[in-house]
């Protein structure tokens, strides 16, 4: 029951972060909000696995965390240099 309440709180936080993505004044604010959404999704996956009694969901959330981390750096590099590779 507590996990369901925590999932509802995470869903509400994701909606607030989506508003920040839509209304963010700078690109950095939008990237930060998307990264926060990714972190909240990781928490949601872990909580869902806990509520369902499926510990393998932790592996899925760790993989998603790695992809979120790499994706954030890729987007920030694209914004700062204009390319993802060497010129």
PDB file of N, CA and C in Angstrom:
ATOM      1  N   UNK A   1       0.817  -1.193   0.000  1.00  0.00           N
ATOM      2  CA  UNK A   1       0.000   0.000   0.000  1.00  0.00           C
ATOM      3  C   UNK A   1       0.866   1.264   0.000  1.00  0.00           C
ATOM      4  N   UNK A   2       1.951   1.224   0.743  1.00  0.00           N
ATOM      5  CA  UNK A   2       2.847   2.383   0.776  1.00  0.00           C
ATOM      6  C   UNK A   2       3.527   2.564  -0.584  1.00  0.00           C
ATOM      7  N   UNK A   3       3.852   1.445  -1.251  1.00  0.00           N
ATOM      8  CA  UNK A   3       4.494   1.534  -2.561  1.00  0.00           C
ATOM      9  C   UNK A   3       3.557   2.172  -3.582  1.00  0.00           C
ATOM     10  N   UNK A   4       2.269   1.902  -3.471  1.00  0.00           N
ATOM     11  CA  UNK A   4       1.303   2.508  -4.391  1.00  0.00           C
ATOM     12  C   UNK A   4       1.224   4.019  -4.166  1.00  0.00           C
ATOM     13  N   UNK A   5       1.247   4.437  -2.918  1.00  0.00           N
ATOM     14  CA  UNK A   5       1.244   5.868  -2.617  1.00  0.00           C
ATOM     15  C   UNK A   5       2.523   6.531  -3.127  1.00  0.00           C
ATOM     16  N   UNK A   6       3.649   5.846  -2.986  1.00  0.00           N
ATOM     17  CA  UNK A   6       4.916   6.392  -3.485  1.00  0.00           C
ATOM     18  C   UNK A   6       4.901   6.483  -5.005  1.00  0.00           C
ATOM     19  N   UNK A   7       4.319   5.488  -5.679  1.00  0.00           N
ATOM     20  CA  UNK A   7       4.211   5.550  -7.139  1.00  0.00           C
ATOM     21  C   UNK A   7       3.317   6.709  -7.576  1.00  0.00           C
ATOM     22  N   UNK A   8       2.256   6.968  -6.832  1.00  0.00           N
ATOM     23  CA  UNK A   8       1.390   8.104  -7.151  1.00  0.00           C
ATOM     24  C   UNK A   8       2.128   9.426  -6.953  1.00  0.00           C
ATOM     25  N   UNK A   9       2.936   9.509  -5.922  1.00  0.00           N
ATOM     26  CA  UNK A   9       3.723  10.728  -5.690  1.00  0.00           C
ATOM     27  C   UNK A   9       4.751  10.929  -6.800  1.00  0.00           C
ATOM     28  N   UNK A  10       5.366   9.849  -7.245  1.00  0.00           N
ATOM     29  CA  UNK A  10       6.333   9.952  -8.343  1.00  0.00           C
ATOM     30  C   UNK A  10       5.629  10.382  -9.626  1.00  0.00           C
ATOM     31  N   UNK A  11       4.425   9.861  -9.861  1.00  0.00           N
ATOM     32  CA  UNK A  11       3.667  10.261 -11.050  1.00  0.00           C
ATOM     33  C   UNK A  11       3.339  11.747 -11.012  1.00  0.00           C
ATOM     34  N   UNK A  12       2.972  12.252  -9.850  1.00  0.00           N
ATOM     35  CA  UNK A  12       2.693  13.690  -9.717  1.00  0.00           C
ATOM     36  C   UNK A  12       3.957  14.513  -9.956  1.00  0.00           C
ATOM     37  N   UNK A  13       5.091  14.036  -9.459  1.00  0.00           N
ATOM     38  CA  UNK A  13       6.357  14.751  -9.670  1.00  0.00           C
ATOM     39  C   UNK A  13       6.754  14.741 -11.140  1.00  0.00           C
ATOM     40  N   UNK A  14       6.460  13.645 -11.836  1.00  0.00           N
ATOM     41  CA  UNK A  14       6.760  13.580 -13.276  1.00  0.00           C
ATOM     42  C   UNK A  14       5.910  14.602 -14.028  1.00  0.00           C
ATOM     43  N   UNK A  15       4.658  14.755 -13.646  1.00  0.00           N
ATOM     44  CA  UNK A  15       3.806  15.750 -14.299  1.00  0.00           C
ATOM     45  C   UNK A  15       4.331  17.167 -14.074  1.00  0.00           C
ATOM     46  N   UNK A  16       4.817  17.439 -12.880  1.00  0.00           N
ATOM     47  CA  UNK A  16       5.396  18.760 -12.595  1.00  0.00           C
ATOM     48  C   UNK A  16       6.656  18.976 -13.434  1.00  0.00           C
ATOM     49  N   UNK A  17       7.476  17.930 -13.557  1.00  0.00           N
ATOM     50  CA  UNK A  17       8.695  18.044 -14.368  1.00  0.00           C
ATOM     51  C   UNK A  17       8.358  18.202 -15.846  1.00  0.00           C
ATOM     52  N   UNK A  18       7.279  17.569 -16.300  1.00  0.00           N
ATOM     53  CA  UNK A  18       6.855  17.758 -17.693  1.00  0.00           C
ATOM     54  C   UNK A  18       6.460  19.207 -17.957  1.00  0.00           C
ATOM     55  N   UNK A  19       5.842  19.832 -16.970  1.00  0.00           N
ATOM     56  CA  UNK A  19       5.525  21.253 -17.116  1.00  0.00           C
ATOM     57  C   UNK A  19       6.806  22.068 -17.215  1.00  0.00           C
ATOM     58  N   UNK A  20       7.828  21.677 -16.479  1.00  0.00           N
ATOM     59  CA  UNK A  20       9.119  22.379 -16.553  1.00  0.00           C
ATOM     60  C   UNK A  20       9.773  22.183 -17.919  1.00  0.00           C
ATOM     61  N   UNK A  21       9.604  20.989 -18.496  1.00  0.00           N
ATOM     62  CA  UNK A  21      10.139  20.750 -19.844  1.00  0.00           C
ATOM     63  C   UNK A  21       9.445  21.667 -20.844  1.00  0.00           C
ATOM     64  N   UNK A  22       8.147  21.814 -20.717  1.00  0.00           N
ATOM     65  CA  UNK A  22       7.399  22.633 -21.666  1.00  0.00           C
ATOM     66  C   UNK A  22       7.643  24.122 -21.473  1.00  0.00           C
ATOM     67  N   UNK A  23       7.840  24.560 -20.225  1.00  0.00           N
ATOM     68  CA  UNK A  23       7.928  25.997 -19.941  1.00  0.00           C
ATOM     69  C   UNK A  23       9.330  26.499 -19.623  1.00  0.00           C
ATOM     70  N   UNK A  24      10.314  25.585 -19.630  1.00  0.00           N
ATOM     71  CA  UNK A  24      11.665  25.985 -19.249  1.00  0.00           C
ATOM     72  C   UNK A  24      12.200  27.103 -20.119  1.00  0.00           C
ATOM     73  N   UNK A  25      12.743  28.143 -19.505  1.00  0.00           N
ATOM     74  CA  UNK A  25      13.208  29.272 -20.313  1.00  0.00           C
ATOM     75  C   UNK A  25      14.475  28.970 -21.115  1.00  0.00           C
ATOM     76  N   UNK A  26      15.314  28.057 -20.643  1.00  0.00           N
ATOM     77  CA  UNK A  26      16.546  27.751 -21.372  1.00  0.00           C
ATOM     78  C   UNK A  26      16.605  26.266 -21.700  1.00  0.00           C
ATOM     79  N   UNK A  27      17.496  25.939 -22.606  1.00  0.00           N
ATOM     80  CA  UNK A  27      17.679  24.533 -22.977  1.00  0.00           C
ATOM     81  C   UNK A  27      18.230  23.723 -21.804  1.00  0.00           C
ATOM     82  N   UNK A  28      19.071  24.357 -20.990  1.00  0.00           N
ATOM     83  CA  UNK A  28      19.618  23.648 -19.828  1.00  0.00           C
ATOM     84  C   UNK A  28      18.511  23.254 -18.858  1.00  0.00           C
ATOM     85  N   UNK A  29      17.536  24.135 -18.645  1.00  0.00           N
ATOM     86  CA  UNK A  29      16.409  23.813 -17.767  1.00  0.00           C
ATOM     87  C   UNK A  29      15.628  22.626 -18.299  1.00  0.00           C
ATOM     88  N   UNK A  30      15.458  22.570 -19.611  1.00  0.00           N
ATOM     89  CA  UNK A  30      14.717  21.466 -20.217  1.00  0.00           C
ATOM     90  C   UNK A  30      15.486  20.153 -20.095  1.00  0.00           C
ATOM     91  N   UNK A  31      16.801  20.188 -20.315  1.00  0.00           N
ATOM     92  CA  UNK A  31      17.614  18.977 -20.178  1.00  0.00           C
ATOM     93  C   UNK A  31      17.607  18.493 -18.738  1.00  0.00           C
ATOM     94  N   UNK A  32      17.716  19.402 -17.799  1.00  0.00           N
ATOM     95  CA  UNK A  32      17.679  19.047 -16.388  1.00  0.00           C
ATOM     96  C   UNK A  32      16.339  18.425 -16.009  1.00  0.00           C
ATOM     97  N   UNK A  33      15.247  18.949 -16.532  1.00  0.00           N
ATOM     98  CA  UNK A  33      13.923  18.393 -16.239  1.00  0.00           C
ATOM     99  C   UNK A  33      13.765  17.003 -16.845  1.00  0.00           C
ATOM    100  N   UNK A  34      14.266  16.805 -18.058  1.00  0.00           N
ATOM    101  CA  UNK A  34      14.185  15.479 -18.677  1.00  0.00           C
ATOM    102  C   UNK A  34      15.034  14.477 -17.900  1.00  0.00           C
ATOM    103  N   UNK A  35      16.197  14.896 -17.436  1.00  0.00           N
ATOM    104  CA  UNK A  35      17.038  14.026 -16.622  1.00  0.00           C
ATOM    105  C   UNK A  35      16.337  13.684 -15.300  1.00  0.00           C
ATOM    106  N   UNK A  36      15.652  14.649 -14.718  1.00  0.00           N
ATOM    107  CA  UNK A  36      14.898  14.388 -13.487  1.00  0.00           C
ATOM    108  C   UNK A  36      13.765  13.400 -13.736  1.00  0.00           C
ATOM    109  N   UNK A  37      13.102  13.527 -14.878  1.00  0.00           N
ATOM    110  CA  UNK A  37      12.046  12.569 -15.227  1.00  0.00           C
ATOM    111  C   UNK A  37      12.636  11.171 -15.350  1.00  0.00           C
ATOM    112  N   UNK A  38      13.795  11.064 -15.972  1.00  0.00           N
ATOM    113  CA  UNK A  38      14.452   9.764 -16.080  1.00  0.00           C
ATOM    114  C   UNK A  38      14.771   9.160 -14.724  1.00  0.00           C
ATOM    115  N   UNK A  39      15.225   9.999 -13.801  1.00  0.00           N
ATOM    116  CA  UNK A  39      15.521   9.530 -12.444  1.00  0.00           C
ATOM    117  C   UNK A  39      14.248   9.066 -11.739  1.00  0.00           C
ATOM    118  N   UNK A  40      13.170   9.800 -11.924  1.00  0.00           N
ATOM    119  CA  UNK A  40      11.907   9.398 -11.302  1.00  0.00           C
ATOM    120  C   UNK A  40      11.362   8.112 -11.913  1.00  0.00           C
ATOM    121  N   UNK A  41      11.590   7.904 -13.200  1.00  0.00           N
ATOM    122  CA  UNK A  41      11.170   6.655 -13.829  1.00  0.00           C
ATOM    123  C   UNK A  41      11.970   5.487 -13.263  1.00  0.00           C
ATOM    124  N   UNK A  42      13.251   5.712 -13.013  1.00  0.00           N
ATOM    125  CA  UNK A  42      14.078   4.676 -12.389  1.00  0.00           C
ATOM    126  C   UNK A  42      13.523   4.307 -11.016  1.00  0.00           C
ATOM    127  N   UNK A  43      13.166   5.310 -10.236  1.00  0.00           N
ATOM    128  CA  UNK A  43      12.547   5.057  -8.935  1.00  0.00           C
ATOM    129  C   UNK A  43      11.226   4.317  -9.091  1.00  0.00           C
ATOM    130  N   UNK A  44      10.442   4.698 -10.082  1.00  0.00           N
ATOM    131  CA  UNK A  44       9.160   4.037 -10.322  1.00  0.00           C
ATOM    132  C   UNK A  44       9.314   2.579 -10.701  1.00  0.00           C
ATOM    133  N   UNK A  45      10.304   2.284 -11.541  1.00  0.00           N
ATOM    134  CA  UNK A  45      10.555   0.888 -11.923  1.00  0.00           C
ATOM    135  C   UNK A  45      10.953   0.079 -10.694  1.00  0.00           C
ATOM    136  N   UNK A  46      11.820   0.631  -9.876  1.00  0.00           N
ATOM    137  CA  UNK A  46      12.257  -0.079  -8.664  1.00  0.00           C
ATOM    138  C   UNK A  46      11.099  -0.287  -7.692  1.00  0.00           C
ATOM    139  N   UNK A  47      10.292   0.742  -7.491  1.00  0.00           N
ATOM    140  CA  UNK A  47       9.142   0.611  -6.594  1.00  0.00           C
ATOM    141  C   UNK A  47       8.111  -0.380  -7.130  1.00  0.00           C
ATOM    142  N   UNK A  48       7.914  -0.380  -8.427  1.00  0.00           N
ATOM    143  CA  UNK A  48       6.980  -1.327  -9.033  1.00  0.00           C
ATOM    144  C   UNK A  48       7.466  -2.759  -8.821  1.00  0.00           C
ATOM    145  N   UNK A  49       8.764  -2.972  -9.003  1.00  0.00           N
ATOM    146  CA  UNK A  49       9.331  -4.296  -8.747  1.00  0.00           C
ATOM    147  C   UNK A  49       9.189  -4.705  -7.293  1.00  0.00           C
ATOM    148  N   UNK A  50       9.359  -3.739  -6.382  1.00  0.00           N
ATOM    149  CA  UNK A  50       9.190  -4.029  -4.961  1.00  0.00           C
ATOM    150  C   UNK A  50       7.743  -4.389  -4.643  1.00  0.00           C
ATOM    151  N   UNK A  51       6.805  -3.631  -5.215  1.00  0.00           N
ATOM    152  CA  UNK A  51       5.388  -3.880  -4.940  1.00  0.00           C
ATOM    153  C   UNK A  51       4.929  -5.220  -5.504  1.00  0.00           C
ATOM    154  N   UNK A  52       5.491  -5.611  -6.629  1.00  0.00           N
ATOM    155  CA  UNK A  52       5.097  -6.878  -7.254  1.00  0.00           C
ATOM    156  C   UNK A  52       5.934  -8.064  -6.777  1.00  0.00           C
ATOM    157  N   UNK A  53       6.943  -7.803  -5.966  1.00  0.00           N
ATOM    158  CA  UNK A  53       7.792  -8.887  -5.484  1.00  0.00           C
ATOM    159  C   UNK A  53       8.698  -9.452  -6.555  1.00  0.00           C
ATOM    160  N   UNK A  54       9.166  -8.602  -7.461  1.00  0.00           N
ATOM    161  CA  UNK A  54      10.026  -9.018  -8.566  1.00  0.00           C
ATOM    162  C   UNK A  54      11.358  -8.277  -8.483  1.00  0.00           C
ATOM    163  N   UNK A  55      12.347  -8.879  -7.831  1.00  0.00           N
ATOM    164  CA  UNK A  55      13.622  -8.173  -7.638  1.00  0.00           C
ATOM    165  C   UNK A  55      14.411  -7.961  -8.929  1.00  0.00           C
ATOM    166  N   UNK A  56      14.066  -8.645 -10.012  1.00  0.00           N
ATOM    167  CA  UNK A  56      14.800  -8.445 -11.267  1.00  0.00           C
ATOM    168  C   UNK A  56      14.524  -7.072 -11.872  1.00  0.00           C
ATOM    169  N   UNK A  57      13.510  -6.369 -11.383  1.00  0.00           N
ATOM    170  CA  UNK A  57      13.255  -5.018 -11.867  1.00  0.00           C
ATOM    171  C   UNK A  57      14.382  -4.064 -11.472  1.00  0.00           C
ATOM    172  N   UNK A  58      15.127  -4.392 -10.445  1.00  0.00           N
ATOM    173  CA  UNK A  58      16.275  -3.562 -10.057  1.00  0.00           C
ATOM    174  C   UNK A  58      17.316  -3.573 -11.175  1.00  0.00           C
ATOM    175  N   UNK A  59      17.522  -4.727 -11.812  1.00  0.00           N
ATOM    176  CA  UNK A  59      18.458  -4.804 -12.934  1.00  0.00           C
ATOM    177  C   UNK A  59      17.996  -3.913 -14.084  1.00  0.00           C
ATOM    178  N   UNK A  60      16.709  -3.917 -14.346  1.00  0.00           N
ATOM    179  CA  UNK A  60      16.168  -3.075 -15.411  1.00  0.00           C
ATOM    180  C   UNK A  60      16.366  -1.596 -15.063  1.00  0.00           C
ATOM    181  N   UNK A  61      16.142  -1.242 -13.813  1.00  0.00           N
ATOM    182  CA  UNK A  61      16.301   0.165 -13.426  1.00  0.00           C
ATOM    183  C   UNK A  61      17.766   0.598 -13.472  1.00  0.00           C
ATOM    184  N   UNK A  62      18.698  -0.290 -13.154  1.00  0.00           N
ATOM    185  CA  UNK A  62      20.125   0.049 -13.252  1.00  0.00           C
ATOM    186  C   UNK A  62      20.514   0.279 -14.711  1.00  0.00           C
ATOM    187  N   UNK A  63      20.015  -0.565 -15.604  1.00  0.00           N
ATOM    188  CA  UNK A  63      20.290  -0.386 -17.027  1.00  0.00           C
ATOM    189  C   UNK A  63      19.709   0.941 -17.518  1.00  0.00           C
ATOM    190  N   UNK A  64      18.509   1.253 -17.105  1.00  0.00           N
ATOM    191  CA  UNK A  64      17.895   2.518 -17.497  1.00  0.00           C
ATOM    192  C   UNK A  64      18.675   3.704 -16.936  1.00  0.00           C
ATOM    193  N   UNK A  65      19.212   3.560 -15.735  1.00  0.00           N
ATOM    194  CA  UNK A  65      20.013   4.639 -15.138  1.00  0.00           C
ATOM    195  C   UNK A  65      21.270   4.893 -15.964  1.00  0.00           C
ATOM    196  N   UNK A  66      21.915   3.831 -16.425  1.00  0.00           N
ATOM    197  CA  UNK A  66      23.113   3.988 -17.254  1.00  0.00           C
ATOM    198  C   UNK A  66      22.763   4.684 -18.567  1.00  0.00           C
ATOM    199  N   UNK A  67      21.660   4.266 -19.194  1.00  0.00           N
ATOM    200  CA  UNK A  67      21.242   4.903 -20.447  1.00  0.00           C
ATOM    201  C   UNK A  67      20.864   6.363 -20.234  1.00  0.00           C
ATOM    202  N   UNK A  68      20.214   6.665 -19.121  1.00  0.00           N
ATOM    203  CA  UNK A  68      19.850   8.040 -18.805  1.00  0.00           C
ATOM    204  C   UNK A  68      21.100   8.898 -18.616  1.00  0.00           C
ATOM    205  N   UNK A  69      22.084   8.374 -17.933  1.00  0.00           N
ATOM    206  CA  UNK A  69      23.341   9.090 -17.684  1.00  0.00           C
ATOM    207  C   UNK A  69      24.068   9.382 -18.994  1.00  0.00           C
ATOM    208  N   UNK A  70      24.224   8.370 -19.831  1.00  0.00           N
ATOM    209  CA  UNK A  70      24.924   8.543 -21.108  1.00  0.00           C
ATOM    210  C   UNK A  70      24.148   9.478 -22.028  1.00  0.00           C
ATOM    211  N   UNK A  71      22.824   9.337 -22.052  1.00  0.00           N
ATOM    212  CA  UNK A  71      22.003  10.195 -22.903  1.00  0.00           C
ATOM    213  C   UNK A  71      22.075  11.652 -22.503  1.00  0.00           C
ATOM    214  N   UNK A  72      22.115  11.918 -21.218  1.00  0.00           N
ATOM    215  CA  UNK A  72      22.214  13.297 -20.747  1.00  0.00           C
ATOM    216  C   UNK A  72      23.533  13.924 -21.177  1.00  0.00           C
ATOM    217  N   UNK A  73      24.615  13.176 -21.046  1.00  0.00           N
ATOM    218  CA  UNK A  73      25.904  13.711 -21.481  1.00  0.00           C
ATOM    219  C   UNK A  73      25.947  13.911 -22.987  1.00  0.00           C
ATOM    220  N   UNK A  74      25.320  13.030 -23.737  1.00  0.00           N
ATOM    221  CA  UNK A  74      25.293  13.182 -25.191  1.00  0.00           C
ATOM    222  C   UNK A  74      24.536  14.444 -25.589  1.00  0.00           C
ATOM    223  N   UNK A  75      23.394  14.689 -24.971  1.00  0.00           N
ATOM    224  CA  UNK A  75      22.616  15.884 -25.298  1.00  0.00           C
ATOM    225  C   UNK A  75      23.376  17.144 -24.897  1.00  0.00           C
ATOM    226  N   UNK A  76      24.005  17.139 -23.725  1.00  0.00           N
ATOM    227  CA  UNK A  76      24.761  18.317 -23.308  1.00  0.00           C
ATOM    228  C   UNK A  76      25.957  18.576 -24.214  1.00  0.00           C
ATOM    229  N   UNK A  77      26.615  17.515 -24.683  1.00  0.00           N
ATOM    230  CA  UNK A  77      27.725  17.698 -25.626  1.00  0.00           C
ATOM    231  C   UNK A  77      27.215  18.250 -26.947  1.00  0.00           C
ATOM    232  N   UNK A  78      26.066  17.770 -27.389  1.00  0.00           N
ATOM    233  CA  UNK A  78      25.480  18.281 -28.623  1.00  0.00           C
ATOM    234  C   UNK A  78      25.150  19.763 -28.491  1.00  0.00           C
ATOM    235  N   UNK A  79      24.614  20.173 -27.338  1.00  0.00           N
ATOM    236  CA  UNK A  79      24.293  21.586 -27.142  1.00  0.00           C
ATOM    237  C   UNK A  79      25.544  22.447 -27.046  1.00  0.00           C
ATOM    238  N   UNK A  80      26.612  21.928 -26.448  1.00  0.00           N
ATOM    239  CA  UNK A  80      27.794  22.756 -26.235  1.00  0.00           C
ATOM    240  C   UNK A  80      28.682  22.844 -27.477  1.00  0.00           C
ATOM    241  N   UNK A  81      28.818  21.745 -28.231  1.00  0.00           N
ATOM    242  CA  UNK A  81      29.735  21.749 -29.364  1.00  0.00           C
ATOM    243  C   UNK A  81      29.038  21.729 -30.715  1.00  0.00           C
ATOM    244  N   UNK A  82      27.778  21.339 -30.748  1.00  0.00           N
ATOM    245  CA  UNK A  82      27.051  21.284 -32.019  1.00  0.00           C
ATOM    246  C   UNK A  82      27.199  19.958 -32.736  1.00  0.00           C
ATOM    247  N   UNK A  83      28.002  19.028 -32.183  1.00  0.00           N
ATOM    248  CA  UNK A  83      28.187  17.720 -32.796  1.00  0.00           C
ATOM    249  C   UNK A  83      28.447  16.690 -31.715  1.00  0.00           C
ATOM    250  N   UNK A  84      28.213  15.430 -32.048  1.00  0.00           N
ATOM    251  CA  UNK A  84      28.499  14.364 -31.097  1.00  0.00           C
ATOM    252  C   UNK A  84      29.852  13.708 -31.335  1.00  0.00           C
ATOM    253  N   UNK A  85      30.452  13.972 -32.487  1.00  0.00           N
ATOM    254  CA  UNK A  85      31.731  13.365 -32.810  1.00  0.00           C
ATOM    255  C   UNK A  85      32.809  14.401 -33.070  1.00  0.00           C
ATOM    256  N   UNK A  86      33.955  13.903 -33.491  1.00  0.00           N
ATOM    257  CA  UNK A  86      35.068  14.774 -33.816  1.00  0.00           C
ATOM    258  C   UNK A  86      34.870  15.363 -35.205  1.00  0.00           C
ATOM    259  N   UNK A  87      35.416  16.550 -35.400  1.00  0.00           N
ATOM    260  CA  UNK A  87      35.356  17.177 -36.727  1.00  0.00           C
ATOM    261  C   UNK A  87      36.701  17.126 -37.382  1.00  0.00           C
TER     262      UNK A  87
END
